[in-house]
Amino acid sequence: MFETIISIISIIVGIFVCAGNALIFFIIFRQIRRVPSVQHDGETLRPISRAKVWSNEWYYIGSNEIFHYNGNTLISSHPIARITRVEKSSLKINNTYVWDIHIRDNGKYYIFSFRPNNKHFGDWLIQFRQAHPDKVHGKWSRWF
């Protein structure tokens, strides 16, 4: 009887260990996957976000617009001139701050939250900060 209980417990522990390892592998795989290359009206868009673990959402910047994609499907696009605020949030994931882009377009208010792709996001942020210094907030300014 006691040996049966021990063997059942060891099987359950083995299942949990395997499931935990599979979950860790899944998360690592989702984080290191390549950003899909996207073109819009003949322009190659630059990705400004990193991969999300549980979704296929990506944010891209074009010459005059910001684009929200889910995989290869365009969800929305907004003129860069409609951005009201770009701010670093208080949330940190893997030692990287989450950034928020606030957009007011056609009477609606959008907030895009993402971990930045350092190469393209940094270049874009420098250009945006030069053009609109009052709209960029490098220190988080709201509580979660």
N, C-alpha and C. Protein backbone atom coordinates (compact mmCIF):
# COMPACT_ATOMS: atom_id res chain seq x y z
N MET A 1 0.82 -1.19 0.00
CA MET A 1 0.00 0.00 0.00
C MET A 1 0.87 1.26 0.00
N PHE A 2 1.83 1.32 0.94
CA PHE A 2 2.72 2.48 1.04
C PHE A 2 3.54 2.64 -0.23
N GLU A 3 4.02 1.54 -0.79
CA GLU A 3 4.82 1.60 -2.02
C GLU A 3 3.99 2.08 -3.20
N THR A 4 2.71 1.74 -3.24
CA THR A 4 1.83 2.19 -4.31
C THR A 4 1.63 3.70 -4.24
N ILE A 5 1.44 4.21 -3.02
CA ILE A 5 1.27 5.66 -2.85
C ILE A 5 2.54 6.40 -3.27
N ILE A 6 3.69 5.89 -2.88
CA ILE A 6 4.97 6.51 -3.26
C ILE A 6 5.12 6.51 -4.77
N SER A 7 4.77 5.40 -5.43
CA SER A 7 4.93 5.35 -6.89
C SER A 7 3.95 6.30 -7.58
N ILE A 8 2.75 6.45 -7.05
CA ILE A 8 1.79 7.39 -7.63
C ILE A 8 2.29 8.82 -7.46
N ILE A 9 2.81 9.14 -6.29
CA ILE A 9 3.36 10.48 -6.04
C ILE A 9 4.54 10.76 -6.95
N SER A 10 5.41 9.78 -7.15
CA SER A 10 6.56 10.00 -8.03
C SER A 10 6.12 10.19 -9.48
N ILE A 11 5.07 9.52 -9.91
CA ILE A 11 4.54 9.72 -11.27
C ILE A 11 3.97 11.13 -11.41
N ILE A 12 3.22 11.57 -10.39
CA ILE A 12 2.65 12.92 -10.43
C ILE A 12 3.76 13.97 -10.45
N VAL A 13 4.77 13.80 -9.62
CA VAL A 13 5.90 14.73 -9.61
C VAL A 13 6.60 14.74 -10.96
N GLY A 14 6.78 13.57 -11.55
CA GLY A 14 7.40 13.49 -12.88
C GLY A 14 6.59 14.22 -13.93
N ILE A 15 5.28 14.12 -13.87
CA ILE A 15 4.41 14.84 -14.83
C ILE A 15 4.56 16.34 -14.66
N PHE A 16 4.58 16.82 -13.40
CA PHE A 16 4.74 18.25 -13.15
C PHE A 16 6.10 18.76 -13.60
N VAL A 17 7.14 17.98 -13.40
CA VAL A 17 8.49 18.38 -13.84
C VAL A 17 8.53 18.48 -15.36
N CYS A 18 7.98 17.49 -16.05
CA CYS A 18 7.95 17.52 -17.52
C CYS A 18 7.12 18.69 -18.04
N ALA A 19 5.98 18.95 -17.42
CA ALA A 19 5.14 20.07 -17.83
C ALA A 19 5.85 21.40 -17.59
N GLY A 20 6.55 21.52 -16.46
CA GLY A 20 7.30 22.75 -16.18
C GLY A 20 8.41 22.97 -17.18
N ASN A 21 9.14 21.90 -17.53
CA ASN A 21 10.20 22.02 -18.53
C ASN A 21 9.64 22.39 -19.90
N ALA A 22 8.50 21.82 -20.26
CA ALA A 22 7.86 22.15 -21.54
C ALA A 22 7.43 23.61 -21.56
N LEU A 23 6.90 24.11 -20.45
CA LEU A 23 6.49 25.50 -20.37
C LEU A 23 7.69 26.44 -20.50
N ILE A 24 8.78 26.12 -19.83
CA ILE A 24 9.99 26.94 -19.93
C ILE A 24 10.51 26.95 -21.36
N PHE A 25 10.54 25.80 -22.01
CA PHE A 25 10.98 25.73 -23.41
C PHE A 25 10.07 26.56 -24.29
N PHE A 26 8.75 26.48 -24.08
CA PHE A 26 7.79 27.25 -24.86
C PHE A 26 8.04 28.75 -24.70
N ILE A 27 8.24 29.22 -23.48
CA ILE A 27 8.46 30.64 -23.22
C ILE A 27 9.76 31.11 -23.87
N ILE A 28 10.82 30.33 -23.75
CA ILE A 28 12.10 30.71 -24.36
C ILE A 28 11.97 30.75 -25.87
N PHE A 29 11.33 29.76 -26.46
CA PHE A 29 11.13 29.72 -27.90
C PHE A 29 10.34 30.93 -28.38
N ARG A 30 9.28 31.32 -27.66
CA ARG A 30 8.45 32.46 -28.06
C ARG A 30 9.23 33.77 -27.95
N GLN A 31 10.18 33.85 -27.02
CA GLN A 31 10.93 35.08 -26.84
C GLN A 31 12.04 35.27 -27.87
N ILE A 32 12.60 34.18 -28.38
CA ILE A 32 13.73 34.31 -29.31
C ILE A 32 13.32 34.19 -30.77
N ARG A 33 12.03 34.04 -31.03
CA ARG A 33 11.59 33.91 -32.43
C ARG A 33 11.83 35.21 -33.19
N ARG A 34 11.98 35.09 -34.48
CA ARG A 34 12.27 36.24 -35.33
C ARG A 34 11.02 37.08 -35.54
N VAL A 35 11.25 38.36 -35.69
CA VAL A 35 10.16 39.29 -35.98
C VAL A 35 9.80 39.14 -37.46
N PRO A 36 8.51 38.95 -37.77
CA PRO A 36 8.14 38.83 -39.17
C PRO A 36 8.42 40.13 -39.92
N SER A 37 8.95 40.00 -41.12
CA SER A 37 9.19 41.16 -41.97
C SER A 37 7.87 41.58 -42.61
N VAL A 38 7.55 42.86 -42.51
CA VAL A 38 6.27 43.35 -43.00
C VAL A 38 6.50 44.53 -43.92
N GLN A 39 5.74 44.54 -45.02
CA GLN A 39 5.75 45.68 -45.94
C GLN A 39 4.35 46.25 -46.01
N HIS A 40 4.27 47.57 -46.08
CA HIS A 40 2.98 48.25 -46.20
C HIS A 40 3.11 49.32 -47.27
N ASP A 41 2.34 49.21 -48.32
CA ASP A 41 2.40 50.14 -49.46
C ASP A 41 3.82 50.30 -49.99
N GLY A 42 4.54 49.20 -50.10
CA GLY A 42 5.89 49.20 -50.65
C GLY A 42 6.98 49.63 -49.68
N GLU A 43 6.62 50.01 -48.48
CA GLU A 43 7.60 50.44 -47.47
C GLU A 43 7.84 49.30 -46.49
N THR A 44 9.11 48.98 -46.23
CA THR A 44 9.44 47.98 -45.23
C THR A 44 9.33 48.62 -43.86
N LEU A 45 8.50 48.04 -43.01
CA LEU A 45 8.27 48.60 -41.68
C LEU A 45 9.32 48.10 -40.71
N ARG A 46 9.67 48.94 -39.74
CA ARG A 46 10.66 48.60 -38.73
C ARG A 46 9.95 48.16 -37.45
N PRO A 47 10.29 46.98 -36.93
CA PRO A 47 9.64 46.54 -35.69
C PRO A 47 10.17 47.31 -34.50
N ILE A 48 9.26 47.77 -33.65
CA ILE A 48 9.70 48.48 -32.44
C ILE A 48 9.41 47.68 -31.18
N SER A 49 8.76 46.51 -31.33
CA SER A 49 8.43 45.71 -30.15
C SER A 49 9.10 44.36 -30.21
N ARG A 50 9.28 43.77 -29.04
CA ARG A 50 9.77 42.40 -28.94
C ARG A 50 8.57 41.46 -28.92
N ALA A 51 8.87 40.18 -29.01
CA ALA A 51 7.82 39.17 -29.01
C ALA A 51 7.10 39.15 -27.66
N LYS A 52 5.80 38.91 -27.72
CA LYS A 52 5.02 38.68 -26.51
C LYS A 52 4.89 37.17 -26.33
N VAL A 53 4.83 36.73 -25.09
CA VAL A 53 4.80 35.30 -24.83
C VAL A 53 3.49 34.68 -25.27
N TRP A 54 2.37 35.29 -24.95
CA TRP A 54 1.08 34.65 -25.16
C TRP A 54 0.33 35.14 -26.38
N SER A 55 0.89 36.06 -27.16
CA SER A 55 0.18 36.54 -28.35
C SER A 55 1.17 36.80 -29.48
N ASN A 56 0.66 37.02 -30.65
CA ASN A 56 1.48 37.32 -31.82
C ASN A 56 1.45 38.80 -32.18
N GLU A 57 1.21 39.66 -31.21
CA GLU A 57 1.14 41.09 -31.47
C GLU A 57 2.52 41.68 -31.67
N TRP A 58 2.61 42.55 -32.66
CA TRP A 58 3.85 43.27 -32.97
C TRP A 58 3.49 44.70 -33.30
N TYR A 59 4.40 45.62 -33.00
CA TYR A 59 4.22 47.02 -33.34
C TYR A 59 5.34 47.43 -34.28
N TYR A 60 4.98 48.14 -35.34
CA TYR A 60 5.93 48.56 -36.37
C TYR A 60 5.80 50.06 -36.58
N ILE A 61 6.90 50.64 -37.06
CA ILE A 61 6.93 52.04 -37.42
C ILE A 61 7.23 52.17 -38.90
N GLY A 62 6.45 53.01 -39.57
CA GLY A 62 6.73 53.38 -40.95
C GLY A 62 7.22 54.82 -40.96
N SER A 63 7.27 55.42 -42.12
CA SER A 63 7.77 56.80 -42.19
C SER A 63 6.80 57.79 -41.54
N ASN A 64 5.50 57.52 -41.62
CA ASN A 64 4.53 58.46 -41.07
C ASN A 64 3.46 57.81 -40.19
N GLU A 65 3.54 56.50 -39.99
CA GLU A 65 2.49 55.81 -39.25
C GLU A 65 3.07 54.78 -38.29
N ILE A 66 2.26 54.43 -37.29
CA ILE A 66 2.57 53.32 -36.41
C ILE A 66 1.54 52.23 -36.69
N PHE A 67 2.00 50.98 -36.74
CA PHE A 67 1.15 49.86 -37.14
C PHE A 67 1.09 48.83 -36.03
N HIS A 68 -0.10 48.27 -35.85
CA HIS A 68 -0.34 47.20 -34.87
C HIS A 68 -0.74 45.96 -35.66
N TYR A 69 0.09 44.92 -35.57
CA TYR A 69 -0.15 43.66 -36.29
C TYR A 69 -0.37 42.53 -35.30
N ASN A 70 -1.18 41.57 -35.71
CA ASN A 70 -1.30 40.29 -35.01
C ASN A 70 -0.84 39.25 -36.02
N GLY A 71 0.39 38.79 -35.87
CA GLY A 71 0.98 37.92 -36.89
C GLY A 71 1.21 38.72 -38.15
N ASN A 72 0.58 38.32 -39.24
CA ASN A 72 0.68 39.05 -40.51
C ASN A 72 -0.57 39.85 -40.81
N THR A 73 -1.50 39.93 -39.86
CA THR A 73 -2.75 40.64 -40.05
C THR A 73 -2.68 42.03 -39.43
N LEU A 74 -2.96 43.06 -40.23
CA LEU A 74 -2.97 44.43 -39.74
C LEU A 74 -4.20 44.65 -38.88
N ILE A 75 -3.99 45.06 -37.63
CA ILE A 75 -5.09 45.36 -36.71
C ILE A 75 -5.48 46.82 -36.84
N SER A 76 -4.49 47.69 -36.78
CA SER A 76 -4.77 49.13 -36.91
C SER A 76 -3.49 49.86 -37.31
N SER A 77 -3.70 51.03 -37.86
CA SER A 77 -2.57 51.92 -38.16
C SER A 77 -3.01 53.34 -37.80
N HIS A 78 -2.04 54.12 -37.31
CA HIS A 78 -2.34 55.47 -36.85
C HIS A 78 -1.21 56.39 -37.27
N PRO A 79 -1.54 57.60 -37.71
CA PRO A 79 -0.49 58.56 -38.03
C PRO A 79 0.35 58.90 -36.80
N ILE A 80 1.63 59.04 -36.99
CA ILE A 80 2.53 59.37 -35.89
C ILE A 80 2.14 60.72 -35.28
N ALA A 81 1.57 61.61 -36.08
CA ALA A 81 1.14 62.92 -35.57
C ALA A 81 0.04 62.80 -34.52
N ARG A 82 -0.66 61.68 -34.46
CA ARG A 82 -1.75 61.47 -33.49
C ARG A 82 -1.24 60.95 -32.14
N ILE A 83 0.05 60.68 -32.03
CA ILE A 83 0.59 60.22 -30.75
C ILE A 83 0.56 61.37 -29.76
N THR A 84 -0.04 61.12 -28.59
CA THR A 84 -0.14 62.17 -27.58
C THR A 84 0.92 62.02 -26.50
N ARG A 85 1.43 60.80 -26.32
CA ARG A 85 2.40 60.57 -25.25
C ARG A 85 3.15 59.27 -25.49
N VAL A 86 4.44 59.27 -25.23
CA VAL A 86 5.27 58.06 -25.23
C VAL A 86 5.94 58.03 -23.87
N GLU A 87 5.70 56.95 -23.11
CA GLU A 87 6.25 56.94 -21.76
C GLU A 87 6.73 55.55 -21.36
N LYS A 88 7.74 55.57 -20.51
CA LYS A 88 8.25 54.34 -19.91
C LYS A 88 7.37 54.03 -18.71
N SER A 89 6.82 52.83 -18.67
CA SER A 89 5.95 52.46 -17.55
C SER A 89 6.79 51.98 -16.38
N SER A 90 6.13 51.70 -15.28
CA SER A 90 6.85 51.20 -14.10
C SER A 90 7.06 49.69 -14.16
N LEU A 91 6.49 49.03 -15.14
CA LEU A 91 6.58 47.58 -15.27
C LEU A 91 7.87 47.18 -15.96
N LYS A 92 8.57 46.21 -15.38
CA LYS A 92 9.81 45.69 -15.95
C LYS A 92 9.66 44.20 -16.17
N ILE A 93 10.01 43.71 -17.37
CA ILE A 93 9.99 42.29 -17.69
C ILE A 93 11.38 41.91 -18.18
N ASN A 94 12.02 40.96 -17.52
CA ASN A 94 13.39 40.54 -17.86
C ASN A 94 14.33 41.73 -17.97
N ASN A 95 14.30 42.60 -16.98
CA ASN A 95 15.17 43.78 -16.93
C ASN A 95 14.96 44.75 -18.08
N THR A 96 13.80 44.72 -18.70
CA THR A 96 13.47 45.67 -19.76
C THR A 96 12.15 46.35 -19.41
N TYR A 97 12.16 47.67 -19.41
CA TYR A 97 10.94 48.41 -19.10
C TYR A 97 9.93 48.26 -20.24
N VAL A 98 8.68 48.22 -19.87
CA VAL A 98 7.59 48.23 -20.84
C VAL A 98 7.30 49.69 -21.16
N TRP A 99 7.16 50.00 -22.44
CA TRP A 99 6.85 51.35 -22.89
C TRP A 99 5.40 51.41 -23.35
N ASP A 100 4.79 52.58 -23.19
CA ASP A 100 3.42 52.81 -23.63
C ASP A 100 3.41 53.94 -24.65
N ILE A 101 2.67 53.73 -25.72
CA ILE A 101 2.43 54.79 -26.70
C ILE A 101 0.95 55.10 -26.66
N HIS A 102 0.62 56.34 -26.35
CA HIS A 102 -0.77 56.78 -26.26
C HIS A 102 -1.13 57.50 -27.56
N ILE A 103 -2.26 57.11 -28.13
CA ILE A 103 -2.69 57.67 -29.41
C ILE A 103 -4.15 58.07 -29.30
N ARG A 104 -4.48 59.26 -29.78
CA ARG A 104 -5.87 59.70 -29.90
C ARG A 104 -6.14 59.83 -31.39
N ASP A 105 -7.06 58.98 -31.88
CA ASP A 105 -7.34 58.95 -33.31
C ASP A 105 -8.83 58.72 -33.53
N ASN A 106 -9.44 59.57 -34.31
CA ASN A 106 -10.87 59.47 -34.65
C ASN A 106 -11.76 59.37 -33.41
N GLY A 107 -11.46 60.17 -32.41
CA GLY A 107 -12.27 60.20 -31.21
C GLY A 107 -12.05 59.05 -30.25
N LYS A 108 -11.15 58.13 -30.58
CA LYS A 108 -10.85 56.99 -29.70
C LYS A 108 -9.45 57.16 -29.12
N TYR A 109 -9.23 56.49 -27.99
CA TYR A 109 -7.95 56.57 -27.30
C TYR A 109 -7.34 55.18 -27.25
N TYR A 110 -6.12 55.03 -27.71
CA TYR A 110 -5.42 53.74 -27.74
C TYR A 110 -4.16 53.84 -26.89
N ILE A 111 -3.82 52.74 -26.25
CA ILE A 111 -2.54 52.62 -25.56
C ILE A 111 -1.88 51.34 -26.04
N PHE A 112 -0.72 51.47 -26.66
CA PHE A 112 0.07 50.31 -27.08
C PHE A 112 1.15 50.09 -26.04
N SER A 113 1.13 48.95 -25.38
CA SER A 113 2.14 48.61 -24.37
C SER A 113 3.00 47.48 -24.89
N PHE A 114 4.32 47.62 -24.79
CA PHE A 114 5.22 46.62 -25.35
C PHE A 114 6.60 46.75 -24.75
N ARG A 115 7.36 45.66 -24.85
CA ARG A 115 8.79 45.69 -24.56
C ARG A 115 9.49 46.09 -25.85
N PRO A 116 10.32 47.11 -25.83
CA PRO A 116 10.88 47.61 -27.08
C PRO A 116 11.96 46.72 -27.69
N ASN A 117 12.00 46.72 -29.00
CA ASN A 117 13.11 46.17 -29.78
C ASN A 117 14.15 47.29 -29.75
N ASN A 118 15.22 47.11 -29.02
CA ASN A 118 16.14 48.20 -28.71
C ASN A 118 16.69 48.91 -29.93
N LYS A 119 17.00 48.18 -30.99
CA LYS A 119 17.62 48.79 -32.17
C LYS A 119 16.68 49.79 -32.84
N HIS A 120 15.53 49.34 -33.28
CA HIS A 120 14.63 50.20 -34.03
C HIS A 120 13.87 51.18 -33.14
N PHE A 121 13.48 50.73 -31.95
CA PHE A 121 12.75 51.62 -31.05
C PHE A 121 13.64 52.77 -30.60
N GLY A 122 14.88 52.48 -30.26
CA GLY A 122 15.79 53.54 -29.83
C GLY A 122 16.01 54.60 -30.90
N ASP A 123 16.21 54.16 -32.14
CA ASP A 123 16.38 55.10 -33.25
C ASP A 123 15.14 55.97 -33.43
N TRP A 124 13.97 55.31 -33.41
CA TRP A 124 12.72 56.04 -33.59
C TRP A 124 12.48 57.00 -32.43
N LEU A 125 12.76 56.57 -31.20
CA LEU A 125 12.52 57.41 -30.04
C LEU A 125 13.38 58.67 -30.08
N ILE A 126 14.61 58.55 -30.52
CA ILE A 126 15.48 59.74 -30.65
C ILE A 126 14.88 60.73 -31.64
N GLN A 127 14.44 60.23 -32.79
CA GLN A 127 13.83 61.11 -33.79
C GLN A 127 12.53 61.72 -33.29
N PHE A 128 11.71 60.91 -32.64
CA PHE A 128 10.43 61.40 -32.13
C PHE A 128 10.65 62.42 -31.03
N ARG A 129 11.64 62.19 -30.16
CA ARG A 129 11.93 63.11 -29.06
C ARG A 129 12.42 64.46 -29.60
N GLN A 130 13.19 64.44 -30.69
CA GLN A 130 13.65 65.70 -31.27
C GLN A 130 12.49 66.48 -31.87
N ALA A 131 11.55 65.78 -32.50
CA ALA A 131 10.42 66.45 -33.13
C ALA A 131 9.35 66.85 -32.12
N HIS A 132 9.18 66.05 -31.06
CA HIS A 132 8.12 66.29 -30.07
C HIS A 132 8.66 66.09 -28.65
N PRO A 133 9.50 67.00 -28.16
CA PRO A 133 10.12 66.79 -26.84
C PRO A 133 9.12 66.76 -25.68
N ASP A 134 7.98 67.41 -25.82
CA ASP A 134 7.00 67.44 -24.74
C ASP A 134 6.14 66.18 -24.66
N LYS A 135 6.22 65.29 -25.65
CA LYS A 135 5.39 64.09 -25.67
C LYS A 135 6.12 62.84 -25.18
N VAL A 136 7.43 62.93 -24.92
CA VAL A 136 8.21 61.77 -24.49
C VAL A 136 8.51 61.91 -23.01
N HIS A 137 8.18 60.85 -22.27
CA HIS A 137 8.41 60.82 -20.83
C HIS A 137 9.24 59.59 -20.51
N GLY A 138 10.53 59.79 -20.25
CA GLY A 138 11.44 58.68 -20.03
C GLY A 138 11.29 58.02 -18.68
N LYS A 139 10.74 58.76 -17.72
CA LYS A 139 10.50 58.18 -16.40
C LYS A 139 9.01 57.88 -16.29
N TRP A 140 8.71 56.72 -15.72
CA TRP A 140 7.30 56.37 -15.61
C TRP A 140 6.59 57.40 -14.76
N SER A 141 5.37 57.69 -15.15
CA SER A 141 4.67 58.78 -14.50
C SER A 141 3.26 58.39 -14.05
N ARG A 142 2.96 57.12 -14.04
CA ARG A 142 1.66 56.70 -13.53
C ARG A 142 1.82 55.39 -12.79
N TRP A 143 0.92 55.11 -11.92
CA TRP A 143 0.97 53.90 -11.09
C TRP A 143 0.09 52.83 -11.69
N PHE A 144 0.51 51.58 -11.49
CA PHE A 144 -0.31 50.44 -11.92
C PHE A 144 -1.02 49.86 -10.74
